[in-house]
């Protein structure tokens, strides 16, 4: 995965924030990431863990990425912020 990230971004991507919905099953797991390469910001919503589907949306700023990540998480209190692993995800 790291190779694909370097090809896409031409620099290392950093995971700034990571949230998980608390469901450990492959079918129910949801993750939301805020990532940056130092110039661009994006939010990734992932369904079904590492082998599941994901959607990535580019954002013009850190603030807009944070707003979008919050919207994608909705109001469910089960979401937990996890330590960012600092390695990008594709």
PDB file of N, CA and C in Angstrom:
ATOM      1  N   UNK A   1       0.813  -1.192   0.000  1.00  0.00           N
ATOM      2  CA  UNK A   1       0.000   0.000   0.000  1.00  0.00           C
ATOM      3  C   UNK A   1       0.857   1.258   0.000  1.00  0.00           C
ATOM      4  N   UNK A   2       1.941   1.251   0.702  1.00  0.00           N
ATOM      5  CA  UNK A   2       2.764   2.448   0.785  1.00  0.00           C
ATOM      6  C   UNK A   2       3.241   2.893  -0.594  1.00  0.00           C
ATOM      7  N   UNK A   3       3.598   1.929  -1.467  1.00  0.00           N
ATOM      8  CA  UNK A   3       4.054   2.272  -2.808  1.00  0.00           C
ATOM      9  C   UNK A   3       2.985   3.041  -3.565  1.00  0.00           C
ATOM     10  N   UNK A   4       1.751   2.563  -3.512  1.00  0.00           N
ATOM     11  CA  UNK A   4       0.654   3.248  -4.188  1.00  0.00           C
ATOM     12  C   UNK A   4       0.472   4.660  -3.687  1.00  0.00           C
ATOM     13  N   UNK A   5       0.659   4.858  -2.409  1.00  0.00           N
ATOM     14  CA  UNK A   5       0.517   6.201  -1.859  1.00  0.00           C
ATOM     15  C   UNK A   5       1.608   7.118  -2.381  1.00  0.00           C
ATOM     16  N   UNK A   6       2.828   6.624  -2.456  1.00  0.00           N
ATOM     17  CA  UNK A   6       3.920   7.462  -2.939  1.00  0.00           C
ATOM     18  C   UNK A   6       3.735   7.808  -4.409  1.00  0.00           C
ATOM     19  N   UNK A   7       3.200   6.871  -5.193  1.00  0.00           N
ATOM     20  CA  UNK A   7       2.945   7.150  -6.603  1.00  0.00           C
ATOM     21  C   UNK A   7       1.847   8.199  -6.732  1.00  0.00           C
ATOM     22  N   UNK A   8       0.783   8.060  -5.974  1.00  0.00           N
ATOM     23  CA  UNK A   8      -0.338   8.988  -6.070  1.00  0.00           C
ATOM     24  C   UNK A   8       0.045  10.383  -5.594  1.00  0.00           C
ATOM     25  N   UNK A   9       0.754  10.474  -4.498  1.00  0.00           N
ATOM     26  CA  UNK A   9       1.022  11.766  -3.881  1.00  0.00           C
ATOM     27  C   UNK A   9       2.425  12.294  -4.143  1.00  0.00           C
ATOM     28  N   UNK A  10       3.347  11.424  -4.514  1.00  0.00           N
ATOM     29  CA  UNK A  10       4.750  11.778  -4.720  1.00  0.00           C
ATOM     30  C   UNK A  10       5.432  12.269  -3.447  1.00  0.00           C
ATOM     31  N   UNK A  11       4.813  12.042  -2.317  1.00  0.00           N
ATOM     32  CA  UNK A  11       5.421  12.321  -1.011  1.00  0.00           C
ATOM     33  C   UNK A  11       4.654  11.498   0.017  1.00  0.00           C
ATOM     34  N   UNK A  12       5.210  11.404   1.197  1.00  0.00           N
ATOM     35  CA  UNK A  12       4.587  10.587   2.232  1.00  0.00           C
ATOM     36  C   UNK A  12       3.285  11.218   2.716  1.00  0.00           C
ATOM     37  N   UNK A  13       2.293  10.366   2.917  1.00  0.00           N
ATOM     38  CA  UNK A  13       1.000  10.799   3.429  1.00  0.00           C
ATOM     39  C   UNK A  13       0.949  10.500   4.918  1.00  0.00           C
ATOM     40  N   UNK A  14       0.476  11.456   5.683  1.00  0.00           N
ATOM     41  CA  UNK A  14       0.387  11.328   7.132  1.00  0.00           C
ATOM     42  C   UNK A  14      -1.081  11.220   7.534  1.00  0.00           C
ATOM     43  N   UNK A  15      -1.395  10.243   8.371  1.00  0.00           N
ATOM     44  CA  UNK A  15      -2.731  10.147   8.957  1.00  0.00           C
ATOM     45  C   UNK A  15      -2.748  11.076  10.166  1.00  0.00           C
ATOM     46  N   UNK A  16      -3.533  12.129  10.084  1.00  0.00           N
ATOM     47  CA  UNK A  16      -3.622  13.104  11.170  1.00  0.00           C
ATOM     48  C   UNK A  16      -4.598  12.661  12.256  1.00  0.00           C
ATOM     49  N   UNK A  17      -5.727  12.088  11.833  1.00  0.00           N
ATOM     50  CA  UNK A  17      -6.730  11.614  12.797  1.00  0.00           C
ATOM     51  C   UNK A  17      -7.375  10.346  12.259  1.00  0.00           C
ATOM     52  N   UNK A  18      -7.812   9.488  13.192  1.00  0.00           N
ATOM     53  CA  UNK A  18      -8.435   8.214  12.843  1.00  0.00           C
ATOM     54  C   UNK A  18      -9.533   7.931  13.859  1.00  0.00           C
ATOM     55  N   UNK A  19     -10.735   7.627  13.366  1.00  0.00           N
ATOM     56  CA  UNK A  19     -11.845   7.241  14.232  1.00  0.00           C
ATOM     57  C   UNK A  19     -12.350   5.872  13.800  1.00  0.00           C
ATOM     58  N   UNK A  20     -12.883   5.131  14.749  1.00  0.00           N
ATOM     59  CA  UNK A  20     -13.424   3.786  14.524  1.00  0.00           C
ATOM     60  C   UNK A  20     -14.786   3.731  15.200  1.00  0.00           C
ATOM     61  N   UNK A  21     -15.737   3.039  14.586  1.00  0.00           N
ATOM     62  CA  UNK A  21     -17.094   2.994  15.131  1.00  0.00           C
ATOM     63  C   UNK A  21     -17.268   1.992  16.271  1.00  0.00           C
ATOM     64  N   UNK A  22     -16.237   1.271  16.652  1.00  0.00           N
ATOM     65  CA  UNK A  22     -16.314   0.360  17.786  1.00  0.00           C
ATOM     66  C   UNK A  22     -16.781  -1.038  17.441  1.00  0.00           C
ATOM     67  N   UNK A  23     -17.128  -1.291  16.180  1.00  0.00           N
ATOM     68  CA  UNK A  23     -17.591  -2.612  15.755  1.00  0.00           C
ATOM     69  C   UNK A  23     -16.410  -3.376  15.160  1.00  0.00           C
ATOM     70  N   UNK A  24     -16.045  -4.492  15.777  1.00  0.00           N
ATOM     71  CA  UNK A  24     -14.870  -5.248  15.338  1.00  0.00           C
ATOM     72  C   UNK A  24     -15.174  -6.258  14.230  1.00  0.00           C
ATOM     73  N   UNK A  25     -16.437  -6.434  13.862  1.00  0.00           N
ATOM     74  CA  UNK A  25     -16.759  -7.406  12.820  1.00  0.00           C
ATOM     75  C   UNK A  25     -16.410  -6.842  11.449  1.00  0.00           C
ATOM     76  N   UNK A  26     -16.059  -7.734  10.532  1.00  0.00           N
ATOM     77  CA  UNK A  26     -15.701  -7.292   9.182  1.00  0.00           C
ATOM     78  C   UNK A  26     -16.866  -6.572   8.508  1.00  0.00           C
ATOM     79  N   UNK A  27     -18.051  -7.044   8.728  1.00  0.00           N
ATOM     80  CA  UNK A  27     -19.222  -6.441   8.091  1.00  0.00           C
ATOM     81  C   UNK A  27     -19.599  -5.091   8.702  1.00  0.00           C
ATOM     82  N   UNK A  28     -19.400  -4.928   9.991  1.00  0.00           N
ATOM     83  CA  UNK A  28     -19.857  -3.719  10.667  1.00  0.00           C
ATOM     84  C   UNK A  28     -18.810  -2.649  10.898  1.00  0.00           C
ATOM     85  N   UNK A  29     -17.550  -2.974  10.702  1.00  0.00           N
ATOM     86  CA  UNK A  29     -16.487  -2.008  11.005  1.00  0.00           C
ATOM     87  C   UNK A  29     -16.533  -0.812  10.057  1.00  0.00           C
ATOM     88  N   UNK A  30     -16.355   0.371  10.643  1.00  0.00           N
ATOM     89  CA  UNK A  30     -16.261   1.619   9.896  1.00  0.00           C
ATOM     90  C   UNK A  30     -15.089   2.421  10.447  1.00  0.00           C
ATOM     91  N   UNK A  31     -14.305   3.010   9.580  1.00  0.00           N
ATOM     92  CA  UNK A  31     -13.187   3.868   9.974  1.00  0.00           C
ATOM     93  C   UNK A  31     -13.260   5.157   9.167  1.00  0.00           C
ATOM     94  N   UNK A  32     -12.857   6.250   9.790  1.00  0.00           N
ATOM     95  CA  UNK A  32     -12.740   7.538   9.107  1.00  0.00           C
ATOM     96  C   UNK A  32     -11.350   8.080   9.408  1.00  0.00           C
ATOM     97  N   UNK A  33     -10.648   8.503   8.360  1.00  0.00           N
ATOM     98  CA  UNK A  33      -9.287   9.024   8.489  1.00  0.00           C
ATOM     99  C   UNK A  33      -9.215  10.430   7.908  1.00  0.00           C
ATOM    100  N   UNK A  34      -8.438  11.295   8.531  1.00  0.00           N
ATOM    101  CA  UNK A  34      -8.023  12.554   7.912  1.00  0.00           C
ATOM    102  C   UNK A  34      -6.550  12.389   7.579  1.00  0.00           C
ATOM    103  N   UNK A  35      -6.206  12.626   6.292  1.00  0.00           N
ATOM    104  CA  UNK A  35      -4.831  12.444   5.832  1.00  0.00           C
ATOM    105  C   UNK A  35      -4.342  13.700   5.125  1.00  0.00           C
ATOM    106  N   UNK A  36      -3.027  13.867   5.138  1.00  0.00           N
ATOM    107  CA  UNK A  36      -2.419  14.974   4.398  1.00  0.00           C
ATOM    108  C   UNK A  36      -1.050  14.567   3.874  1.00  0.00           C
ATOM    109  N   UNK A  37      -0.672  15.177   2.785  1.00  0.00           N
ATOM    110  CA  UNK A  37       0.690  15.020   2.269  1.00  0.00           C
ATOM    111  C   UNK A  37       1.495  16.289   2.531  1.00  0.00           C
ATOM    112  N   UNK A  38       0.955  17.177   3.324  1.00  0.00           N
ATOM    113  CA  UNK A  38       1.599  18.448   3.618  1.00  0.00           C
ATOM    114  C   UNK A  38       1.067  19.595   2.785  1.00  0.00           C
ATOM    115  N   UNK A  39       0.374  19.259   1.691  1.00  0.00           N
ATOM    116  CA  UNK A  39      -0.214  20.280   0.823  1.00  0.00           C
ATOM    117  C   UNK A  39      -1.707  20.050   0.624  1.00  0.00           C
ATOM    118  N   UNK A  40      -2.076  18.799   0.431  1.00  0.00           N
ATOM    119  CA  UNK A  40      -3.482  18.449   0.203  1.00  0.00           C
ATOM    120  C   UNK A  40      -4.051  17.753   1.428  1.00  0.00           C
ATOM    121  N   UNK A  41      -5.344  17.900   1.619  1.00  0.00           N
ATOM    122  CA  UNK A  41      -6.061  17.242   2.714  1.00  0.00           C
ATOM    123  C   UNK A  41      -7.134  16.356   2.117  1.00  0.00           C
ATOM    124  N   UNK A  42      -7.381  15.215   2.766  1.00  0.00           N
ATOM    125  CA  UNK A  42      -8.468  14.350   2.330  1.00  0.00           C
ATOM    126  C   UNK A  42      -9.022  13.574   3.507  1.00  0.00           C
ATOM    127  N   UNK A  43     -10.255  13.132   3.321  1.00  0.00           N
ATOM    128  CA  UNK A  43     -10.930  12.303   4.311  1.00  0.00           C
ATOM    129  C   UNK A  43     -11.255  10.980   3.637  1.00  0.00           C
ATOM    130  N   UNK A  44     -10.960   9.886   4.327  1.00  0.00           N
ATOM    131  CA  UNK A  44     -11.283   8.552   3.826  1.00  0.00           C
ATOM    132  C   UNK A  44     -12.280   7.916   4.771  1.00  0.00           C
ATOM    133  N   UNK A  45     -13.385   7.428   4.210  1.00  0.00           N
ATOM    134  CA  UNK A  45     -14.351   6.625   4.959  1.00  0.00           C
ATOM    135  C   UNK A  45     -14.195   5.193   4.470  1.00  0.00           C
ATOM    136  N   UNK A  46     -13.941   4.275   5.397  1.00  0.00           N
ATOM    137  CA  UNK A  46     -13.695   2.880   5.045  1.00  0.00           C
ATOM    138  C   UNK A  46     -14.746   2.004   5.709  1.00  0.00           C
ATOM    139  N   UNK A  47     -15.301   1.082   4.934  1.00  0.00           N
ATOM    140  CA  UNK A  47     -16.322   0.155   5.409  1.00  0.00           C
ATOM    141  C   UNK A  47     -15.776  -1.256   5.293  1.00  0.00           C
ATOM    142  N   UNK A  48     -15.831  -2.026   6.373  1.00  0.00           N
ATOM    143  CA  UNK A  48     -15.437  -3.427   6.316  1.00  0.00           C
ATOM    144  C   UNK A  48     -13.968  -3.700   6.565  1.00  0.00           C
ATOM    145  N   UNK A  49     -13.268  -2.797   7.188  1.00  0.00           N
ATOM    146  CA  UNK A  49     -11.863  -3.029   7.507  1.00  0.00           C
ATOM    147  C   UNK A  49     -10.962  -2.866   6.297  1.00  0.00           C
ATOM    148  N   UNK A  50      -9.733  -3.346   6.426  1.00  0.00           N
ATOM    149  CA  UNK A  50      -8.713  -3.139   5.391  1.00  0.00           C
ATOM    150  C   UNK A  50      -9.091  -3.739   4.041  1.00  0.00           C
ATOM    151  N   UNK A  51      -9.883  -4.804   4.036  1.00  0.00           N
ATOM    152  CA  UNK A  51     -10.268  -5.442   2.776  1.00  0.00           C
ATOM    153  C   UNK A  51     -11.600  -4.941   2.246  1.00  0.00           C
ATOM    154  N   UNK A  52     -12.208  -3.995   2.939  1.00  0.00           N
ATOM    155  CA  UNK A  52     -13.512  -3.479   2.545  1.00  0.00           C
ATOM    156  C   UNK A  52     -13.420  -2.369   1.511  1.00  0.00           C
ATOM    157  N   UNK A  53     -14.526  -1.661   1.370  1.00  0.00           N
ATOM    158  CA  UNK A  53     -14.613  -0.548   0.418  1.00  0.00           C
ATOM    159  C   UNK A  53     -14.253   0.756   1.105  1.00  0.00           C
ATOM    160  N   UNK A  54     -13.860   1.727   0.315  1.00  0.00           N
ATOM    161  CA  UNK A  54     -13.599   3.039   0.893  1.00  0.00           C
ATOM    162  C   UNK A  54     -13.919   4.134  -0.105  1.00  0.00           C
ATOM    163  N   UNK A  55     -14.140   5.317   0.446  1.00  0.00           N
ATOM    164  CA  UNK A  55     -14.387   6.511  -0.357  1.00  0.00           C
ATOM    165  C   UNK A  55     -13.437   7.579   0.148  1.00  0.00           C
ATOM    166  N   UNK A  56     -12.818   8.308  -0.775  1.00  0.00           N
ATOM    167  CA  UNK A  56     -11.891   9.376  -0.419  1.00  0.00           C
ATOM    168  C   UNK A  56     -12.402  10.674  -1.020  1.00  0.00           C
ATOM    169  N   UNK A  57     -12.424  11.706  -0.196  1.00  0.00           N
ATOM    170  CA  UNK A  57     -12.848  13.028  -0.648  1.00  0.00           C
ATOM    171  C   UNK A  57     -11.739  14.032  -0.357  1.00  0.00           C
ATOM    172  N   UNK A  58     -11.260  14.725  -1.382  1.00  0.00           N
ATOM    173  CA  UNK A  58     -10.267  15.781  -1.165  1.00  0.00           C
ATOM    174  C   UNK A  58     -10.953  16.995  -0.564  1.00  0.00           C
ATOM    175  N   UNK A  59     -10.229  17.711   0.288  1.00  0.00           N
ATOM    176  CA  UNK A  59     -10.745  18.895   0.967  1.00  0.00           C
ATOM    177  C   UNK A  59      -9.753  20.041   0.787  1.00  0.00           C
ATOM    178  N   UNK A  60     -10.247  21.284   0.724  1.00  0.00           N
ATOM    179  CA  UNK A  60      -9.350  22.417   0.506  1.00  0.00           C
ATOM    180  C   UNK A  60      -8.526  22.819   1.724  1.00  0.00           C
ATOM    181  N   UNK A  61      -8.921  22.363   2.918  1.00  0.00           N
ATOM    182  CA  UNK A  61      -8.199  22.775   4.131  1.00  0.00           C
ATOM    183  C   UNK A  61      -8.377  21.739   5.233  1.00  0.00           C
ATOM    184  N   UNK A  62      -7.585  21.885   6.276  1.00  0.00           N
ATOM    185  CA  UNK A  62      -7.697  21.015   7.455  1.00  0.00           C
ATOM    186  C   UNK A  62      -9.065  21.177   8.104  1.00  0.00           C
ATOM    187  N   UNK A  63      -9.534  22.409   8.164  1.00  0.00           N
ATOM    188  CA  UNK A  63     -10.836  22.674   8.772  1.00  0.00           C
ATOM    189  C   UNK A  63     -11.976  21.997   8.035  1.00  0.00           C
ATOM    190  N   UNK A  64     -11.964  22.075   6.713  1.00  0.00           N
ATOM    191  CA  UNK A  64     -13.032  21.430   5.947  1.00  0.00           C
ATOM    192  C   UNK A  64     -12.932  19.911   6.040  1.00  0.00           C
ATOM    193  N   UNK A  65     -11.718  19.374   6.134  1.00  0.00           N
ATOM    194  CA  UNK A  65     -11.553  17.928   6.318  1.00  0.00           C
ATOM    195  C   UNK A  65     -12.145  17.493   7.652  1.00  0.00           C
ATOM    196  N   UNK A  66     -11.945  18.290   8.680  1.00  0.00           N
ATOM    197  CA  UNK A  66     -12.487  17.976  10.001  1.00  0.00           C
ATOM    198  C   UNK A  66     -14.013  18.011   9.999  1.00  0.00           C
ATOM    199  N   UNK A  67     -14.585  18.996   9.315  1.00  0.00           N
ATOM    200  CA  UNK A  67     -16.047  19.095   9.212  1.00  0.00           C
ATOM    201  C   UNK A  67     -16.610  17.880   8.484  1.00  0.00           C
ATOM    202  N   UNK A  68     -15.995  17.505   7.362  1.00  0.00           N
ATOM    203  CA  UNK A  68     -16.464  16.351   6.597  1.00  0.00           C
ATOM    204  C   UNK A  68     -16.335  15.065   7.404  1.00  0.00           C
ATOM    205  N   UNK A  69     -15.215  14.881   8.088  1.00  0.00           N
ATOM    206  CA  UNK A  69     -15.026  13.675   8.906  1.00  0.00           C
ATOM    207  C   UNK A  69     -16.106  13.593   9.980  1.00  0.00           C
ATOM    208  N   UNK A  70     -16.447  14.714  10.587  1.00  0.00           N
ATOM    209  CA  UNK A  70     -17.511  14.735  11.587  1.00  0.00           C
ATOM    210  C   UNK A  70     -18.861  14.377  10.993  1.00  0.00           C
ATOM    211  N   UNK A  71     -19.135  14.876   9.802  1.00  0.00           N
ATOM    212  CA  UNK A  71     -20.400  14.561   9.133  1.00  0.00           C
ATOM    213  C   UNK A  71     -20.479  13.079   8.793  1.00  0.00           C
ATOM    214  N   UNK A  72     -19.376  12.504   8.329  1.00  0.00           N
ATOM    215  CA  UNK A  72     -19.374  11.089   7.981  1.00  0.00           C
ATOM    216  C   UNK A  72     -19.512  10.205   9.213  1.00  0.00           C
ATOM    217  N   UNK A  73     -19.069  10.667  10.353  1.00  0.00           N
ATOM    218  CA  UNK A  73     -19.236   9.891  11.587  1.00  0.00           C
ATOM    219  C   UNK A  73     -20.655  10.015  12.126  1.00  0.00           C
ATOM    220  N   UNK A  74     -21.343  11.059  11.788  1.00  0.00           N
ATOM    221  CA  UNK A  74     -22.700  11.265  12.290  1.00  0.00           C
ATOM    222  C   UNK A  74     -22.664  11.558  13.777  1.00  0.00           C
ATOM    223  N   UNK A  75     -23.784  11.404  14.440  1.00  0.00           N
ATOM    224  CA  UNK A  75     -23.857  11.721  15.860  1.00  0.00           C
ATOM    225  C   UNK A  75     -23.723  10.523  16.781  1.00  0.00           C
ATOM    226  N   UNK A  76     -23.325   9.384  16.257  1.00  0.00           N
ATOM    227  CA  UNK A  76     -23.254   8.164  17.068  1.00  0.00           C
ATOM    228  C   UNK A  76     -22.130   8.265  18.101  1.00  0.00           C
ATOM    229  N   UNK A  77     -22.453   8.140  19.388  1.00  0.00           N
ATOM    230  CA  UNK A  77     -21.432   8.246  20.431  1.00  0.00           C
ATOM    231  C   UNK A  77     -20.482   7.043  20.493  1.00  0.00           C
ATOM    232  N   UNK A  78     -20.747   5.990  19.716  1.00  0.00           N
ATOM    233  CA  UNK A  78     -19.870   4.811  19.729  1.00  0.00           C
ATOM    234  C   UNK A  78     -18.525   5.082  19.044  1.00  0.00           C
ATOM    235  N   UNK A  79     -18.445   6.112  18.209  1.00  0.00           N
ATOM    236  CA  UNK A  79     -17.188   6.426  17.524  1.00  0.00           C
ATOM    237  C   UNK A  79     -16.112   6.781  18.527  1.00  0.00           C
ATOM    238  N   UNK A  80     -14.910   6.243  18.307  1.00  0.00           N
ATOM    239  CA  UNK A  80     -13.765   6.509  19.184  1.00  0.00           C
ATOM    240  C   UNK A  80     -12.606   7.027  18.351  1.00  0.00           C
ATOM    241  N   UNK A  81     -11.924   8.006  18.893  1.00  0.00           N
ATOM    242  CA  UNK A  81     -10.712   8.457  18.218  1.00  0.00           C
ATOM    243  C   UNK A  81      -9.577   7.524  18.605  1.00  0.00           C
ATOM    244  N   UNK A  82      -8.866   7.037  17.605  1.00  0.00           N
ATOM    245  CA  UNK A  82      -7.736   6.139  17.820  1.00  0.00           C
ATOM    246  C   UNK A  82      -6.441   6.903  17.583  1.00  0.00           C
ATOM    247  N   UNK A  83      -5.350   6.415  18.160  1.00  0.00           N
ATOM    248  CA  UNK A  83      -4.062   7.048  17.858  1.00  0.00           C
ATOM    249  C   UNK A  83      -3.785   6.917  16.358  1.00  0.00           C
ATOM    250  N   UNK A  84      -3.442   8.004  15.725  1.00  0.00           N
ATOM    251  CA  UNK A  84      -3.119   7.958  14.300  1.00  0.00           C
ATOM    252  C   UNK A  84      -1.822   7.185  14.135  1.00  0.00           C
ATOM    253  N   UNK A  85      -1.821   6.218  13.218  1.00  0.00           N
ATOM    254  CA  UNK A  85      -0.614   5.410  13.019  1.00  0.00           C
ATOM    255  C   UNK A  85       0.433   6.144  12.190  1.00  0.00           C
ATOM    256  N   UNK A  86       0.075   7.312  11.702  1.00  0.00           N
ATOM    257  CA  UNK A  86       0.975   8.197  10.956  1.00  0.00           C
ATOM    258  C   UNK A  86       1.421   7.609   9.621  1.00  0.00           C
ATOM    259  N   UNK A  87       0.836   6.499   9.202  1.00  0.00           N
ATOM    260  CA  UNK A  87       1.138   5.905   7.902  1.00  0.00           C
ATOM    261  C   UNK A  87      -0.122   6.013   7.071  1.00  0.00           C
ATOM    262  N   UNK A  88      -0.007   6.500   5.868  1.00  0.00           N
ATOM    263  CA  UNK A  88      -1.172   6.684   5.023  1.00  0.00           C
ATOM    264  C   UNK A  88      -1.864   5.388   4.665  1.00  0.00           C
ATOM    265  N   UNK A  89      -3.115   5.489   4.343  1.00  0.00           N
ATOM    266  CA  UNK A  89      -3.919   4.347   3.909  1.00  0.00           C
ATOM    267  C   UNK A  89      -4.483   4.668   2.537  1.00  0.00           C
ATOM    268  N   UNK A  90      -4.505   3.667   1.671  1.00  0.00           N
ATOM    269  CA  UNK A  90      -5.047   3.878   0.332  1.00  0.00           C
ATOM    270  C   UNK A  90      -6.429   3.283   0.240  1.00  0.00           C
TER     271      UNK A  90
END
